[in-house]
């Protein structure tokens, strides 16, 4: 199943609340939190801090070469 976006909220006790579609199977998921407020949106310092947290958690982005390869494979599947 592809990823989906849902609306949710963070409670005062720092729990994440939201409702998944009925056709989504139970199980573990990954959550990416994107605040709706514009406070700090596009702020280079916040973005750098976020990228630093991803790196500290061992989450690595793809290299340009990996992205190019993936795009090549995807485009080849269209033919």
C-alpha atoms as a PDB file:
ATOM      1  CA  UNK A   1       0.000   0.000   0.000  1.00  0.00           C
ATOM      2  CA  UNK A   2       1.228   3.484  -0.815  1.00  0.00           C
ATOM      3  CA  UNK A   3       1.562   6.125   1.838  1.00  0.00           C
ATOM      4  CA  UNK A   4      -1.353   8.431   2.553  1.00  0.00           C
ATOM      5  CA  UNK A   5      -1.781  11.783   4.259  1.00  0.00           C
ATOM      6  CA  UNK A   6      -4.279  12.273   7.049  1.00  0.00           C
ATOM      7  CA  UNK A   7      -5.021  15.155   9.371  1.00  0.00           C
ATOM      8  CA  UNK A   8      -4.361  14.715  13.054  1.00  0.00           C
ATOM      9  CA  UNK A   9      -3.367  16.529  16.168  1.00  0.00           C
ATOM     10  CA  UNK A  10      -0.927  16.341  19.048  1.00  0.00           C
ATOM     11  CA  UNK A  11      -2.621  16.190  22.442  1.00  0.00           C
ATOM     12  CA  UNK A  12      -1.376  18.091  25.519  1.00  0.00           C
ATOM     13  CA  UNK A  13       0.260  14.855  26.732  1.00  0.00           C
ATOM     14  CA  UNK A  14       2.165  14.628  23.415  1.00  0.00           C
ATOM     15  CA  UNK A  15       0.168  11.757  21.889  1.00  0.00           C
ATOM     16  CA  UNK A  16      -0.570  11.790  18.179  1.00  0.00           C
ATOM     17  CA  UNK A  17      -4.233  11.384  17.236  1.00  0.00           C
ATOM     18  CA  UNK A  18      -5.674  10.704  13.828  1.00  0.00           C
ATOM     19  CA  UNK A  19      -7.939   8.290  11.999  1.00  0.00           C
ATOM     20  CA  UNK A  20      -6.715   5.957   9.281  1.00  0.00           C
ATOM     21  CA  UNK A  21      -8.927   4.974   6.338  1.00  0.00           C
ATOM     22  CA  UNK A  22     -11.018   1.830   6.872  1.00  0.00           C
ATOM     23  CA  UNK A  23      -9.150  -0.066   4.145  1.00  0.00           C
ATOM     24  CA  UNK A  24      -5.754   0.422   5.793  1.00  0.00           C
ATOM     25  CA  UNK A  25      -4.613  -2.782   7.521  1.00  0.00           C
ATOM     26  CA  UNK A  26      -3.612  -2.742  11.200  1.00  0.00           C
ATOM     27  CA  UNK A  27       0.097  -2.677  11.985  1.00  0.00           C
ATOM     28  CA  UNK A  28       3.047  -0.419  12.615  1.00  0.00           C
ATOM     29  CA  UNK A  29       3.471   2.751  10.582  1.00  0.00           C
ATOM     30  CA  UNK A  30       6.022   5.531  10.186  1.00  0.00           C
ATOM     31  CA  UNK A  31       4.815   9.021  11.018  1.00  0.00           C
ATOM     32  CA  UNK A  32       6.166  12.292   9.635  1.00  0.00           C
ATOM     33  CA  UNK A  33       4.837  15.292  11.559  1.00  0.00           C
ATOM     34  CA  UNK A  34       4.395  18.526   9.625  1.00  0.00           C
ATOM     35  CA  UNK A  35       3.026  21.383  11.749  1.00  0.00           C
ATOM     36  CA  UNK A  36       0.280  23.383  10.062  1.00  0.00           C
ATOM     37  CA  UNK A  37       1.354  26.708  11.528  1.00  0.00           C
ATOM     38  CA  UNK A  38       3.647  28.788   9.401  1.00  0.00           C
ATOM     39  CA  UNK A  39       5.958  29.413  12.355  1.00  0.00           C
ATOM     40  CA  UNK A  40       9.396  28.585  11.032  1.00  0.00           C
ATOM     41  CA  UNK A  41       8.187  27.267   7.687  1.00  0.00           C
ATOM     42  CA  UNK A  42      11.129  27.482   5.338  1.00  0.00           C
ATOM     43  CA  UNK A  43      13.451  28.441   8.184  1.00  0.00           C
ATOM     44  CA  UNK A  44      16.916  27.144   7.208  1.00  0.00           C
ATOM     45  CA  UNK A  45      17.934  26.607  10.846  1.00  0.00           C
ATOM     46  CA  UNK A  46      14.856  24.463  11.557  1.00  0.00           C
ATOM     47  CA  UNK A  47      15.351  22.515   8.344  1.00  0.00           C
ATOM     48  CA  UNK A  48      19.018  21.879   9.188  1.00  0.00           C
ATOM     49  CA  UNK A  49      18.043  20.769  12.705  1.00  0.00           C
ATOM     50  CA  UNK A  50      15.443  18.387  11.252  1.00  0.00           C
ATOM     51  CA  UNK A  51      17.973  16.898   8.825  1.00  0.00           C
ATOM     52  CA  UNK A  52      20.410  16.520  11.718  1.00  0.00           C
ATOM     53  CA  UNK A  53      17.784  14.609  13.712  1.00  0.00           C
ATOM     54  CA  UNK A  54      17.156  12.309  10.749  1.00  0.00           C
ATOM     55  CA  UNK A  55      20.877  11.612  10.448  1.00  0.00           C
ATOM     56  CA  UNK A  56      21.199  11.000  14.198  1.00  0.00           C
ATOM     57  CA  UNK A  57      18.347   8.489  13.945  1.00  0.00           C
ATOM     58  CA  UNK A  58      20.189   6.674  11.150  1.00  0.00           C
ATOM     59  CA  UNK A  59      17.714   7.742   8.467  1.00  0.00           C
ATOM     60  CA  UNK A  60      19.622   8.349   5.269  1.00  0.00           C
ATOM     61  CA  UNK A  61      18.392  10.028   2.128  1.00  0.00           C
ATOM     62  CA  UNK A  62      19.051   8.697  -1.346  1.00  0.00           C
ATOM     63  CA  UNK A  63      22.005   9.910  -3.367  1.00  0.00           C
ATOM     64  CA  UNK A  64      21.546  11.657  -6.711  1.00  0.00           C
ATOM     65  CA  UNK A  65      22.724   8.478  -8.399  1.00  0.00           C
ATOM     66  CA  UNK A  66      20.129   6.372  -6.540  1.00  0.00           C
ATOM     67  CA  UNK A  67      17.366   8.795  -7.458  1.00  0.00           C
ATOM     68  CA  UNK A  68      18.463   8.854 -11.112  1.00  0.00           C
ATOM     69  CA  UNK A  69      18.531   5.037 -11.172  1.00  0.00           C
ATOM     70  CA  UNK A  70      15.080   4.802  -9.616  1.00  0.00           C
ATOM     71  CA  UNK A  71      13.699   7.308 -12.111  1.00  0.00           C
ATOM     72  CA  UNK A  72      15.264   5.375 -14.991  1.00  0.00           C
ATOM     73  CA  UNK A  73      13.652   2.137 -13.784  1.00  0.00           C
ATOM     74  CA  UNK A  74      10.290   3.850 -13.347  1.00  0.00           C
ATOM     75  CA  UNK A  75      10.392   5.456 -16.784  1.00  0.00           C
ATOM     76  CA  UNK A  76      11.398   2.162 -18.396  1.00  0.00           C
ATOM     77  CA  UNK A  77       8.300   0.552 -16.889  1.00  0.00           C
ATOM     78  CA  UNK A  78       6.106   3.002 -18.821  1.00  0.00           C
ATOM     79  CA  UNK A  79       7.198   1.597 -22.175  1.00  0.00           C
END
